């Protein structure tokens, strides 16, 4: 059985790291630069702070105010460089000793244990088809941090993290589809339709920097091809810590296609806590999340209705609750 995790920034946030774009902007606006284009960018972020909660999508829109490739490079490289510095600082000063690594192994091995009983039983029944074989876990992270490597160790290929039915559960590696803070950092949009300055639509220099798939192709590391293969061979896919944003529609489309062929999906999502007395309202929120995902798969309506039964929403679960509370302490900021 192949289990694939797609991990977003919510993982680092759940640990207590201040890695949101809003946290970064507080730092970024204090970094002094004499450049007029950089100053105007920071003024724009301050005026429309809420819109810039999605930095990548907003960068695509902001291109409308960029006049040349040279100006684009200056803006894009500055915000990327400062984001890199900020995230590396957050990672370096985080206390990884307070994380329960055994619990992390357990969550990776049995994510369904965080779900309500009916959903847990569904996934258990799915797993029973492979109960006499090893189970393989793979991780694709959208994050620039090396948080997972620091928790799981550098040798994550063929790392046994659990067992089942007298067989092993083996981690088969971690792939950084968007690179690292200090290496092949991919930051941008899904396609040229999200670049508002149409003059850049035929500008290969801008496209290779700002369109994620083109950036991956330009660096020729083949990580994108490997990640696509892992999606196409997965029997269970778990998305955690992702807003399911429009700048990653490529991946939601691939997952949607995979769900048409003997695969299940768990989307772990955080939201407003529901009063236990009216727990039935969870169903409304879960349907909305499911529908939002399906609308990003680019599948025909009939196909969406067929695969929705293969999607489970884990709302406000204890998934990846791995920080030991007794040793938790405030995280310093820059």
C-alpha atoms as a PDB file:
ATOM      1  CA  UNK A   1       0.000   0.000   0.000  1.00  0.00           C
ATOM      2  CA  UNK A   2       1.256   3.466  -0.908  1.00  0.00           C
ATOM      3  CA  UNK A   3       0.376   6.384   1.367  1.00  0.00           C
ATOM      4  CA  UNK A   4       1.303   9.892   0.249  1.00  0.00           C
ATOM      5  CA  UNK A   5       1.337  13.002   2.433  1.00  0.00           C
ATOM      6  CA  UNK A   6       1.228  16.486   0.914  1.00  0.00           C
ATOM      7  CA  UNK A   7       2.369  18.884   3.643  1.00  0.00           C
ATOM      8  CA  UNK A   8       1.801  22.643   3.679  1.00  0.00           C
ATOM      9  CA  UNK A   9       2.815  25.514   5.933  1.00  0.00           C
ATOM     10  CA  UNK A  10       0.166  24.534   8.464  1.00  0.00           C
ATOM     11  CA  UNK A  11       2.568  21.848   9.664  1.00  0.00           C
ATOM     12  CA  UNK A  12       5.177  24.393  10.780  1.00  0.00           C
ATOM     13  CA  UNK A  13       2.476  26.674  12.187  1.00  0.00           C
ATOM     14  CA  UNK A  14       1.074  23.768  14.177  1.00  0.00           C
ATOM     15  CA  UNK A  15       4.488  23.349  15.807  1.00  0.00           C
ATOM     16  CA  UNK A  16       4.377  26.970  16.907  1.00  0.00           C
ATOM     17  CA  UNK A  17       6.723  28.393  14.287  1.00  0.00           C
ATOM     18  CA  UNK A  18       5.854  31.870  12.991  1.00  0.00           C
ATOM     19  CA  UNK A  19       6.031  31.023   9.296  1.00  0.00           C
ATOM     20  CA  UNK A  20       2.857  32.650   7.984  1.00  0.00           C
ATOM     21  CA  UNK A  21       3.143  35.362   5.344  1.00  0.00           C
ATOM     22  CA  UNK A  22       1.614  37.852   7.790  1.00  0.00           C
ATOM     23  CA  UNK A  23       4.431  37.094  10.258  1.00  0.00           C
ATOM     24  CA  UNK A  24       6.979  37.556   7.489  1.00  0.00           C
ATOM     25  CA  UNK A  25       5.560  40.922   6.423  1.00  0.00           C
ATOM     26  CA  UNK A  26       6.053  42.323   9.928  1.00  0.00           C
ATOM     27  CA  UNK A  27       9.736  41.572   9.481  1.00  0.00           C
ATOM     28  CA  UNK A  28       9.932  42.557   5.812  1.00  0.00           C
ATOM     29  CA  UNK A  29       8.568  46.065   6.212  1.00  0.00           C
ATOM     30  CA  UNK A  30      11.323  46.829   8.735  1.00  0.00           C
ATOM     31  CA  UNK A  31      14.117  45.854   6.332  1.00  0.00           C
ATOM     32  CA  UNK A  32      15.344  49.141   4.871  1.00  0.00           C
ATOM     33  CA  UNK A  33      16.102  49.382   1.159  1.00  0.00           C
ATOM     34  CA  UNK A  34      16.731  52.533  -0.874  1.00  0.00           C
ATOM     35  CA  UNK A  35      15.096  51.036  -3.965  1.00  0.00           C
ATOM     36  CA  UNK A  36      11.934  52.840  -5.122  1.00  0.00           C
ATOM     37  CA  UNK A  37      10.281  49.657  -6.553  1.00  0.00           C
ATOM     38  CA  UNK A  38      10.880  47.823  -3.250  1.00  0.00           C
ATOM     39  CA  UNK A  39       9.479  50.733  -1.243  1.00  0.00           C
ATOM     40  CA  UNK A  40       6.364  50.807  -3.439  1.00  0.00           C
ATOM     41  CA  UNK A  41       5.911  47.053  -3.008  1.00  0.00           C
ATOM     42  CA  UNK A  42       6.010  47.379   0.780  1.00  0.00           C
ATOM     43  CA  UNK A  43       3.534  50.255   0.661  1.00  0.00           C
ATOM     44  CA  UNK A  44       1.216  48.089  -1.423  1.00  0.00           C
ATOM     45  CA  UNK A  45       1.467  45.233   1.068  1.00  0.00           C
ATOM     46  CA  UNK A  46       0.689  47.598   3.967  1.00  0.00           C
ATOM     47  CA  UNK A  47      -2.365  49.064   2.177  1.00  0.00           C
ATOM     48  CA  UNK A  48      -3.788  45.674   1.213  1.00  0.00           C
ATOM     49  CA  UNK A  49      -2.474  43.487   4.011  1.00  0.00           C
ATOM     50  CA  UNK A  50      -5.431  41.094   3.911  1.00  0.00           C
ATOM     51  CA  UNK A  51      -5.073  40.429   0.173  1.00  0.00           C
ATOM     52  CA  UNK A  52      -1.388  39.650   0.616  1.00  0.00           C
ATOM     53  CA  UNK A  53      -2.210  36.725   2.907  1.00  0.00           C
ATOM     54  CA  UNK A  54      -1.474  34.729  -0.270  1.00  0.00           C
ATOM     55  CA  UNK A  55       1.882  36.189  -1.303  1.00  0.00           C
ATOM     56  CA  UNK A  56       2.209  34.134  -4.471  1.00  0.00           C
ATOM     57  CA  UNK A  57      -1.202  34.928  -5.908  1.00  0.00           C
ATOM     58  CA  UNK A  58      -0.826  38.596  -5.030  1.00  0.00           C
ATOM     59  CA  UNK A  59       2.612  38.750  -6.668  1.00  0.00           C
ATOM     60  CA  UNK A  60       0.953  37.613  -9.872  1.00  0.00           C
ATOM     61  CA  UNK A  61      -1.567  40.425  -9.576  1.00  0.00           C
ATOM     62  CA  UNK A  62       1.102  42.963  -8.635  1.00  0.00           C
ATOM     63  CA  UNK A  63       2.917  42.392 -11.939  1.00  0.00           C
ATOM     64  CA  UNK A  64       0.411  44.855 -13.404  1.00  0.00           C
ATOM     65  CA  UNK A  65       2.455  47.572 -11.676  1.00  0.00           C
ATOM     66  CA  UNK A  66       5.825  46.238 -12.849  1.00  0.00           C
ATOM     67  CA  UNK A  67       7.211  47.862 -15.986  1.00  0.00           C
ATOM     68  CA  UNK A  68      10.150  45.703 -17.057  1.00  0.00           C
ATOM     69  CA  UNK A  69      11.955  42.403 -16.604  1.00  0.00           C
ATOM     70  CA  UNK A  70      14.704  44.216 -14.682  1.00  0.00           C
ATOM     71  CA  UNK A  71      12.182  45.725 -12.271  1.00  0.00           C
ATOM     72  CA  UNK A  72      10.499  42.349 -11.878  1.00  0.00           C
ATOM     73  CA  UNK A  73      13.828  40.704 -11.057  1.00  0.00           C
ATOM     74  CA  UNK A  74      14.622  43.346  -8.439  1.00  0.00           C
ATOM     75  CA  UNK A  75      11.255  42.946  -6.684  1.00  0.00           C
ATOM     76  CA  UNK A  76      11.008  39.174  -6.998  1.00  0.00           C
ATOM     77  CA  UNK A  77      14.566  38.527  -5.829  1.00  0.00           C
ATOM     78  CA  UNK A  78      14.307  40.939  -2.901  1.00  0.00           C
ATOM     79  CA  UNK A  79      11.151  39.508  -1.397  1.00  0.00           C
ATOM     80  CA  UNK A  80      12.383  35.967  -2.061  1.00  0.00           C
ATOM     81  CA  UNK A  81      15.751  36.645  -0.426  1.00  0.00           C
ATOM     82  CA  UNK A  82      14.192  38.224   2.657  1.00  0.00           C
ATOM     83  CA  UNK A  83      11.616  35.433   2.956  1.00  0.00           C
ATOM     84  CA  UNK A  84      14.470  32.936   2.788  1.00  0.00           C
ATOM     85  CA  UNK A  85      16.366  34.702   5.576  1.00  0.00           C
ATOM     86  CA  UNK A  86      13.255  34.960   7.720  1.00  0.00           C
ATOM     87  CA  UNK A  87      12.302  31.282   7.394  1.00  0.00           C
ATOM     88  CA  UNK A  88      15.847  30.071   8.031  1.00  0.00           C
ATOM     89  CA  UNK A  89      15.952  32.195  11.186  1.00  0.00           C
ATOM     90  CA  UNK A  90      12.623  30.754  12.365  1.00  0.00           C
ATOM     91  CA  UNK A  91      13.853  27.239  11.715  1.00  0.00           C
ATOM     92  CA  UNK A  92      17.224  27.788  13.392  1.00  0.00           C
ATOM     93  CA  UNK A  93      15.759  29.146  16.606  1.00  0.00           C
ATOM     94  CA  UNK A  94      12.992  26.561  16.978  1.00  0.00           C
ATOM     95  CA  UNK A  95      13.494  24.029  19.790  1.00  0.00           C
ATOM     96  CA  UNK A  96      13.021  20.654  18.112  1.00  0.00           C
ATOM     97  CA  UNK A  97      13.703  18.786  21.364  1.00  0.00           C
ATOM     98  CA  UNK A  98      10.161  19.539  22.545  1.00  0.00           C
ATOM     99  CA  UNK A  99       8.632  17.481  19.711  1.00  0.00           C
ATOM    100  CA  UNK A 100       7.527  13.897  20.343  1.00  0.00           C
ATOM    101  CA  UNK A 101       9.051  12.062  17.374  1.00  0.00           C
ATOM    102  CA  UNK A 102       7.341   8.774  18.238  1.00  0.00           C
ATOM    103  CA  UNK A 103       3.958  10.477  17.923  1.00  0.00           C
ATOM    104  CA  UNK A 104       5.036  11.871  14.560  1.00  0.00           C
ATOM    105  CA  UNK A 105       5.819   8.332  13.377  1.00  0.00           C
ATOM    106  CA  UNK A 106       2.411   7.165  14.609  1.00  0.00           C
ATOM    107  CA  UNK A 107       0.536   9.949  12.812  1.00  0.00           C
ATOM    108  CA  UNK A 108       2.401   9.205   9.574  1.00  0.00           C
ATOM    109  CA  UNK A 109       1.698   5.490   9.962  1.00  0.00           C
ATOM    110  CA  UNK A 110      -1.993   5.745  10.874  1.00  0.00           C
ATOM    111  CA  UNK A 111      -3.438   9.187   9.998  1.00  0.00           C
ATOM    112  CA  UNK A 112      -6.938   7.712  10.137  1.00  0.00           C
ATOM    113  CA  UNK A 113      -6.664   7.363  13.913  1.00  0.00           C
ATOM    114  CA  UNK A 114      -7.307  11.109  14.107  1.00  0.00           C
ATOM    115  CA  UNK A 115     -10.668  10.720  12.378  1.00  0.00           C
ATOM    116  CA  UNK A 116     -14.159   9.944  13.720  1.00  0.00           C
ATOM    117  CA  UNK A 117     -14.896   6.227  14.062  1.00  0.00           C
ATOM    118  CA  UNK A 118     -16.901   5.861  10.831  1.00  0.00           C
ATOM    119  CA  UNK A 119     -14.121   7.414   8.725  1.00  0.00           C
ATOM    120  CA  UNK A 120     -11.404   5.499  10.563  1.00  0.00           C
ATOM    121  CA  UNK A 121     -13.200   2.214   9.812  1.00  0.00           C
ATOM    122  CA  UNK A 122     -13.421   3.132   6.105  1.00  0.00           C
ATOM    123  CA  UNK A 123      -9.657   3.623   5.876  1.00  0.00           C
ATOM    124  CA  UNK A 124      -8.974   0.500   7.947  1.00  0.00           C
ATOM    125  CA  UNK A 125     -11.056  -1.515   5.483  1.00  0.00           C
ATOM    126  CA  UNK A 126      -9.061  -0.007   2.627  1.00  0.00           C
ATOM    127  CA  UNK A 127      -5.773  -0.943   4.290  1.00  0.00           C
ATOM    128  CA  UNK A 128      -6.892  -4.549   4.853  1.00  0.00           C
ATOM    129  CA  UNK A 129      -6.490  -5.190   1.136  1.00  0.00           C
ATOM    130  CA  UNK A 130      -2.721  -4.898   1.688  1.00  0.00           C
ATOM    131  CA  UNK A 131      -2.478  -6.340   5.196  1.00  0.00           C
ATOM    132  CA  UNK A 132       0.002  -9.050   4.188  1.00  0.00           C
ATOM    133  CA  UNK A 133       2.321  -6.558   2.429  1.00  0.00           C
ATOM    134  CA  UNK A 134       4.554  -3.686   3.595  1.00  0.00           C
ATOM    135  CA  UNK A 135       3.007  -0.224   3.631  1.00  0.00           C
ATOM    136  CA  UNK A 136       5.046   2.608   2.158  1.00  0.00           C
ATOM    137  CA  UNK A 137       4.736   6.249   3.230  1.00  0.00           C
ATOM    138  CA  UNK A 138       6.041   9.112   1.110  1.00  0.00           C
ATOM    139  CA  UNK A 139       6.026  12.837   1.862  1.00  0.00           C
ATOM    140  CA  UNK A 140       5.828  15.734  -0.573  1.00  0.00           C
ATOM    141  CA  UNK A 141       6.244  19.052   1.225  1.00  0.00           C
ATOM    142  CA  UNK A 142       5.380  22.456  -0.192  1.00  0.00           C
ATOM    143  CA  UNK A 143       7.464  24.096   2.551  1.00  0.00           C
ATOM    144  CA  UNK A 144      10.885  25.715   2.190  1.00  0.00           C
ATOM    145  CA  UNK A 145      11.918  24.703   5.705  1.00  0.00           C
ATOM    146  CA  UNK A 146      13.731  21.487   6.609  1.00  0.00           C
ATOM    147  CA  UNK A 147      11.487  20.933   9.626  1.00  0.00           C
ATOM    148  CA  UNK A 148      10.551  17.389   8.639  1.00  0.00           C
ATOM    149  CA  UNK A 149      14.160  16.354   8.100  1.00  0.00           C
ATOM    150  CA  UNK A 150      15.119  17.715  11.511  1.00  0.00           C
ATOM    151  CA  UNK A 151      12.322  15.691  13.083  1.00  0.00           C
ATOM    152  CA  UNK A 152      12.705  12.479  11.087  1.00  0.00           C
ATOM    153  CA  UNK A 153      16.447  12.546  10.399  1.00  0.00           C
ATOM    154  CA  UNK A 154      18.350  13.043   7.167  1.00  0.00           C
ATOM    155  CA  UNK A 155      18.120   9.356   6.228  1.00  0.00           C
ATOM    156  CA  UNK A 156      14.389   9.246   5.520  1.00  0.00           C
ATOM    157  CA  UNK A 157      14.559   6.702   2.716  1.00  0.00           C
ATOM    158  CA  UNK A 158      13.660   3.186   3.909  1.00  0.00           C
ATOM    159  CA  UNK A 159      13.113   4.391   7.478  1.00  0.00           C
ATOM    160  CA  UNK A 160      10.794   2.078   9.406  1.00  0.00           C
ATOM    161  CA  UNK A 161       8.275   4.213  11.288  1.00  0.00           C
ATOM    162  CA  UNK A 162       5.732   1.588  12.334  1.00  0.00           C
ATOM    163  CA  UNK A 163       4.343  -1.903  11.850  1.00  0.00           C
ATOM    164  CA  UNK A 164       1.099  -3.685  10.979  1.00  0.00           C
ATOM    165  CA  UNK A 165      -0.054  -7.299  10.741  1.00  0.00           C
ATOM    166  CA  UNK A 166       3.527  -8.536  11.269  1.00  0.00           C
ATOM    167  CA  UNK A 167       4.802  -6.335   8.444  1.00  0.00           C
ATOM    168  CA  UNK A 168       6.520  -2.949   8.327  1.00  0.00           C
ATOM    169  CA  UNK A 169       5.456   0.627   7.619  1.00  0.00           C
ATOM    170  CA  UNK A 170       8.351   2.268   5.802  1.00  0.00           C
ATOM    171  CA  UNK A 171       8.991   5.934   5.048  1.00  0.00           C
ATOM    172  CA  UNK A 172      10.322   6.237   1.499  1.00  0.00           C
ATOM    173  CA  UNK A 173      11.658   9.786   1.606  1.00  0.00           C
ATOM    174  CA  UNK A 174      10.728  13.480   1.612  1.00  0.00           C
ATOM    175  CA  UNK A 175      10.504  15.567  -1.554  1.00  0.00           C
ATOM    176  CA  UNK A 176      10.524  19.375  -1.538  1.00  0.00           C
ATOM    177  CA  UNK A 177       8.511  20.231  -4.620  1.00  0.00           C
ATOM    178  CA  UNK A 178       9.133  23.977  -4.096  1.00  0.00           C
ATOM    179  CA  UNK A 179      12.729  23.620  -3.008  1.00  0.00           C
ATOM    180  CA  UNK A 180      14.294  25.011   0.161  1.00  0.00           C
ATOM    181  CA  UNK A 181      14.790  28.454   1.640  1.00  0.00           C
ATOM    182  CA  UNK A 182      18.387  28.476   0.378  1.00  0.00           C
ATOM    183  CA  UNK A 183      18.191  26.209  -2.672  1.00  0.00           C
ATOM    184  CA  UNK A 184      16.019  26.219  -5.865  1.00  0.00           C
ATOM    185  CA  UNK A 185      13.263  28.156  -4.069  1.00  0.00           C
ATOM    186  CA  UNK A 186      10.072  28.061  -6.177  1.00  0.00           C
ATOM    187  CA  UNK A 187       7.707  30.934  -5.417  1.00  0.00           C
ATOM    188  CA  UNK A 188       4.958  31.925  -7.787  1.00  0.00           C
ATOM    189  CA  UNK A 189       1.701  31.149  -9.532  1.00  0.00           C
ATOM    190  CA  UNK A 190       0.123  28.134 -11.183  1.00  0.00           C
ATOM    191  CA  UNK A 191      -0.008  29.450 -14.771  1.00  0.00           C
ATOM    192  CA  UNK A 192       0.179  32.638 -16.846  1.00  0.00           C
ATOM    193  CA  UNK A 193      -3.530  33.384 -16.316  1.00  0.00           C
ATOM    194  CA  UNK A 194      -2.537  34.390 -12.772  1.00  0.00           C
ATOM    195  CA  UNK A 195       0.010  36.943 -14.086  1.00  0.00           C
ATOM    196  CA  UNK A 196      -2.011  40.140 -14.441  1.00  0.00           C
ATOM    197  CA  UNK A 197       0.550  41.938 -16.611  1.00  0.00           C
ATOM    198  CA  UNK A 198      -0.247  40.354 -19.982  1.00  0.00           C
ATOM    199  CA  UNK A 199       2.973  41.780 -21.426  1.00  0.00           C
ATOM    200  CA  UNK A 200       4.781  39.119 -19.391  1.00  0.00           C
ATOM    201  CA  UNK A 201       2.736  36.225 -20.813  1.00  0.00           C
ATOM    202  CA  UNK A 202       5.296  35.721 -23.582  1.00  0.00           C
ATOM    203  CA  UNK A 203       8.299  36.703 -21.494  1.00  0.00           C
ATOM    204  CA  UNK A 204      10.175  33.479 -20.821  1.00  0.00           C
ATOM    205  CA  UNK A 205      12.473  35.149 -18.283  1.00  0.00           C
ATOM    206  CA  UNK A 206       9.510  36.111 -16.096  1.00  0.00           C
ATOM    207  CA  UNK A 207       7.607  32.885 -16.701  1.00  0.00           C
ATOM    208  CA  UNK A 208      10.542  30.697 -15.593  1.00  0.00           C
ATOM    209  CA  UNK A 209      10.752  32.702 -12.378  1.00  0.00           C
ATOM    210  CA  UNK A 210       7.074  33.134 -11.533  1.00  0.00           C
ATOM    211  CA  UNK A 211       5.191  30.116 -12.963  1.00  0.00           C
ATOM    212  CA  UNK A 212       5.945  27.183 -10.680  1.00  0.00           C
ATOM    213  CA  UNK A 213       5.878  24.403 -13.268  1.00  0.00           C
ATOM    214  CA  UNK A 214       8.128  26.399 -15.610  1.00  0.00           C
ATOM    215  CA  UNK A 215      10.534  27.161 -12.773  1.00  0.00           C
ATOM    216  CA  UNK A 216      10.775  23.449 -11.964  1.00  0.00           C
ATOM    217  CA  UNK A 217      11.405  22.628 -15.600  1.00  0.00           C
ATOM    218  CA  UNK A 218      14.052  25.338 -15.918  1.00  0.00           C
ATOM    219  CA  UNK A 219      16.052  23.913 -13.010  1.00  0.00           C
ATOM    220  CA  UNK A 220      15.742  20.368 -14.447  1.00  0.00           C
ATOM    221  CA  UNK A 221      15.830  18.611 -11.070  1.00  0.00           C
ATOM    222  CA  UNK A 222      12.943  16.257 -12.016  1.00  0.00           C
ATOM    223  CA  UNK A 223      11.392  16.529  -8.536  1.00  0.00           C
ATOM    224  CA  UNK A 224       8.112  17.545 -10.143  1.00  0.00           C
ATOM    225  CA  UNK A 225       8.115  14.399 -12.267  1.00  0.00           C
ATOM    226  CA  UNK A 226       8.834  12.240  -9.216  1.00  0.00           C
ATOM    227  CA  UNK A 227       6.003  13.870  -7.251  1.00  0.00           C
ATOM    228  CA  UNK A 228       3.577  13.313 -10.113  1.00  0.00           C
ATOM    229  CA  UNK A 229       4.554   9.637 -10.176  1.00  0.00           C
ATOM    230  CA  UNK A 230       3.977   9.359  -6.439  1.00  0.00           C
ATOM    231  CA  UNK A 231       0.473  10.793  -6.798  1.00  0.00           C
ATOM    232  CA  UNK A 232      -0.324   8.428  -9.663  1.00  0.00           C
ATOM    233  CA  UNK A 233       0.678   5.358  -7.585  1.00  0.00           C
ATOM    234  CA  UNK A 234      -0.872   6.363  -4.240  1.00  0.00           C
ATOM    235  CA  UNK A 235      -3.739   4.426  -2.674  1.00  0.00           C
ATOM    236  CA  UNK A 236      -4.265   6.928   0.136  1.00  0.00           C
ATOM    237  CA  UNK A 237      -3.389  10.632  -0.108  1.00  0.00           C
ATOM    238  CA  UNK A 238      -3.363  12.914   2.935  1.00  0.00           C
ATOM    239  CA  UNK A 239      -3.267  16.699   2.599  1.00  0.00           C
ATOM    240  CA  UNK A 240      -2.274  18.535   5.767  1.00  0.00           C
ATOM    241  CA  UNK A 241      -1.625  22.201   6.470  1.00  0.00           C
ATOM    242  CA  UNK A 242      -2.585  23.435   3.008  1.00  0.00           C
ATOM    243  CA  UNK A 243      -5.113  26.120   2.096  1.00  0.00           C
ATOM    244  CA  UNK A 244      -5.678  24.310  -1.230  1.00  0.00           C
ATOM    245  CA  UNK A 245      -4.675  27.559  -2.904  1.00  0.00           C
ATOM    246  CA  UNK A 246      -5.124  28.433  -6.560  1.00  0.00           C
ATOM    247  CA  UNK A 247      -1.376  28.726  -7.145  1.00  0.00           C
ATOM    248  CA  UNK A 248      -1.102  24.926  -6.734  1.00  0.00           C
ATOM    249  CA  UNK A 249      -4.060  23.897  -8.892  1.00  0.00           C
ATOM    250  CA  UNK A 250      -1.755  21.640 -10.917  1.00  0.00           C
ATOM    251  CA  UNK A 251      -1.481  19.300  -7.933  1.00  0.00           C
ATOM    252  CA  UNK A 252      -5.194  19.365  -7.062  1.00  0.00           C
ATOM    253  CA  UNK A 253      -5.987  18.405 -10.656  1.00  0.00           C
ATOM    254  CA  UNK A 254      -3.571  15.473 -10.521  1.00  0.00           C
ATOM    255  CA  UNK A 255      -5.058  14.257  -7.236  1.00  0.00           C
ATOM    256  CA  UNK A 256      -8.565  14.567  -8.637  1.00  0.00           C
ATOM    257  CA  UNK A 257      -7.565  12.437 -11.607  1.00  0.00           C
ATOM    258  CA  UNK A 258      -6.008   9.842  -9.283  1.00  0.00           C
ATOM    259  CA  UNK A 259      -9.228   9.619  -7.233  1.00  0.00           C
ATOM    260  CA  UNK A 260     -11.007   8.235 -10.298  1.00  0.00           C
ATOM    261  CA  UNK A 261      -8.917   5.076 -10.010  1.00  0.00           C
ATOM    262  CA  UNK A 262      -9.035   3.289  -6.648  1.00  0.00           C
ATOM    263  CA  UNK A 263      -7.633   5.967  -4.356  1.00  0.00           C
ATOM    264  CA  UNK A 264      -8.887   7.763  -1.240  1.00  0.00           C
ATOM    265  CA  UNK A 265      -8.104  11.276  -0.021  1.00  0.00           C
ATOM    266  CA  UNK A 266      -8.081  12.725   3.493  1.00  0.00           C
ATOM    267  CA  UNK A 267      -7.991  16.524   3.724  1.00  0.00           C
ATOM    268  CA  UNK A 268      -7.013  17.647   7.220  1.00  0.00           C
ATOM    269  CA  UNK A 269      -8.302  21.149   7.812  1.00  0.00           C
ATOM    270  CA  UNK A 270      -8.392  23.657  10.649  1.00  0.00           C
ATOM    271  CA  UNK A 271     -11.394  25.911  11.162  1.00  0.00           C
ATOM    272  CA  UNK A 272     -13.625  27.527  13.717  1.00  0.00           C
ATOM    273  CA  UNK A 273     -14.307  25.209  16.617  1.00  0.00           C
ATOM    274  CA  UNK A 274     -17.873  23.859  16.666  1.00  0.00           C
ATOM    275  CA  UNK A 275     -19.878  23.747  19.887  1.00  0.00           C
ATOM    276  CA  UNK A 276     -20.143  20.015  20.761  1.00  0.00           C
ATOM    277  CA  UNK A 277     -23.873  20.452  21.291  1.00  0.00           C
ATOM    278  CA  UNK A 278     -24.340  21.303  17.605  1.00  0.00           C
ATOM    279  CA  UNK A 279     -21.694  18.963  16.223  1.00  0.00           C
ATOM    280  CA  UNK A 280     -23.910  18.279  13.205  1.00  0.00           C
ATOM    281  CA  UNK A 281     -22.751  21.620  11.775  1.00  0.00           C
ATOM    282  CA  UNK A 282     -19.384  20.039  11.078  1.00  0.00           C
ATOM    283  CA  UNK A 283     -21.054  18.340   8.142  1.00  0.00           C
ATOM    284  CA  UNK A 284     -21.780  21.683   6.480  1.00  0.00           C
ATOM    285  CA  UNK A 285     -18.187  22.823   6.804  1.00  0.00           C
ATOM    286  CA  UNK A 286     -16.825  19.500   5.598  1.00  0.00           C
ATOM    287  CA  UNK A 287     -19.073  19.547   2.511  1.00  0.00           C
ATOM    288  CA  UNK A 288     -17.902  23.080   1.702  1.00  0.00           C
ATOM    289  CA  UNK A 289     -14.218  22.037   1.930  1.00  0.00           C
ATOM    290  CA  UNK A 290     -14.878  18.971  -0.199  1.00  0.00           C
ATOM    291  CA  UNK A 291     -16.716  21.004  -2.818  1.00  0.00           C
ATOM    292  CA  UNK A 292     -13.966  23.634  -2.871  1.00  0.00           C
ATOM    293  CA  UNK A 293     -11.406  20.928  -3.592  1.00  0.00           C
ATOM    294  CA  UNK A 294     -13.538  19.266  -6.265  1.00  0.00           C
ATOM    295  CA  UNK A 295     -14.005  22.594  -8.027  1.00  0.00           C
ATOM    296  CA  UNK A 296     -10.214  22.807  -8.438  1.00  0.00           C
ATOM    297  CA  UNK A 297      -9.840  19.370 -10.063  1.00  0.00           C
ATOM    298  CA  UNK A 298     -11.051  20.452 -13.523  1.00  0.00           C
ATOM    299  CA  UNK A 299     -13.114  17.260 -13.741  1.00  0.00           C
ATOM    300  CA  UNK A 300     -16.552  16.934 -15.353  1.00  0.00           C
ATOM    301  CA  UNK A 301     -19.441  17.351 -12.913  1.00  0.00           C
ATOM    302  CA  UNK A 302     -20.468  13.716 -13.264  1.00  0.00           C
ATOM    303  CA  UNK A 303     -16.948  12.571 -12.364  1.00  0.00           C
ATOM    304  CA  UNK A 304     -16.806  14.900  -9.355  1.00  0.00           C
ATOM    305  CA  UNK A 305     -19.949  13.317  -7.957  1.00  0.00           C
ATOM    306  CA  UNK A 306     -18.469   9.837  -8.420  1.00  0.00           C
ATOM    307  CA  UNK A 307     -15.203  10.560  -6.616  1.00  0.00           C
ATOM    308  CA  UNK A 308     -16.565  12.662  -3.750  1.00  0.00           C
ATOM    309  CA  UNK A 309     -17.301   9.461  -1.839  1.00  0.00           C
ATOM    310  CA  UNK A 310     -13.542   8.816  -1.814  1.00  0.00           C
ATOM    311  CA  UNK A 311     -12.828  12.100   0.001  1.00  0.00           C
ATOM    312  CA  UNK A 312     -12.793  12.397   3.787  1.00  0.00           C
ATOM    313  CA  UNK A 313     -12.463  15.722   5.618  1.00  0.00           C
ATOM    314  CA  UNK A 314     -10.607  15.647   8.928  1.00  0.00           C
ATOM    315  CA  UNK A 315     -11.846  18.846  10.572  1.00  0.00           C
ATOM    316  CA  UNK A 316     -10.041  20.148  13.669  1.00  0.00           C
ATOM    317  CA  UNK A 317      -8.465  16.784  14.469  1.00  0.00           C
ATOM    318  CA  UNK A 318      -5.429  16.183  16.678  1.00  0.00           C
ATOM    319  CA  UNK A 319      -3.397  15.212  13.603  1.00  0.00           C
ATOM    320  CA  UNK A 320       0.296  16.067  14.090  1.00  0.00           C
ATOM    321  CA  UNK A 321      -0.241  17.270  17.657  1.00  0.00           C
ATOM    322  CA  UNK A 322       3.320  16.372  18.512  1.00  0.00           C
ATOM    323  CA  UNK A 323       4.617  19.217  20.685  1.00  0.00           C
ATOM    324  CA  UNK A 324       5.077  18.233  24.316  1.00  0.00           C
ATOM    325  CA  UNK A 325       3.029  20.808  26.208  1.00  0.00           C
ATOM    326  CA  UNK A 326       5.099  20.623  29.361  1.00  0.00           C
ATOM    327  CA  UNK A 327       8.176  21.886  27.508  1.00  0.00           C
ATOM    328  CA  UNK A 328       6.395  24.272  25.153  1.00  0.00           C
ATOM    329  CA  UNK A 329       7.507  27.851  25.366  1.00  0.00           C
ATOM    330  CA  UNK A 330       7.108  31.069  23.475  1.00  0.00           C
ATOM    331  CA  UNK A 331       8.985  31.309  20.198  1.00  0.00           C
ATOM    332  CA  UNK A 332      11.112  34.400  19.736  1.00  0.00           C
ATOM    333  CA  UNK A 333      10.600  36.570  16.676  1.00  0.00           C
ATOM    334  CA  UNK A 334      13.054  38.619  14.733  1.00  0.00           C
END
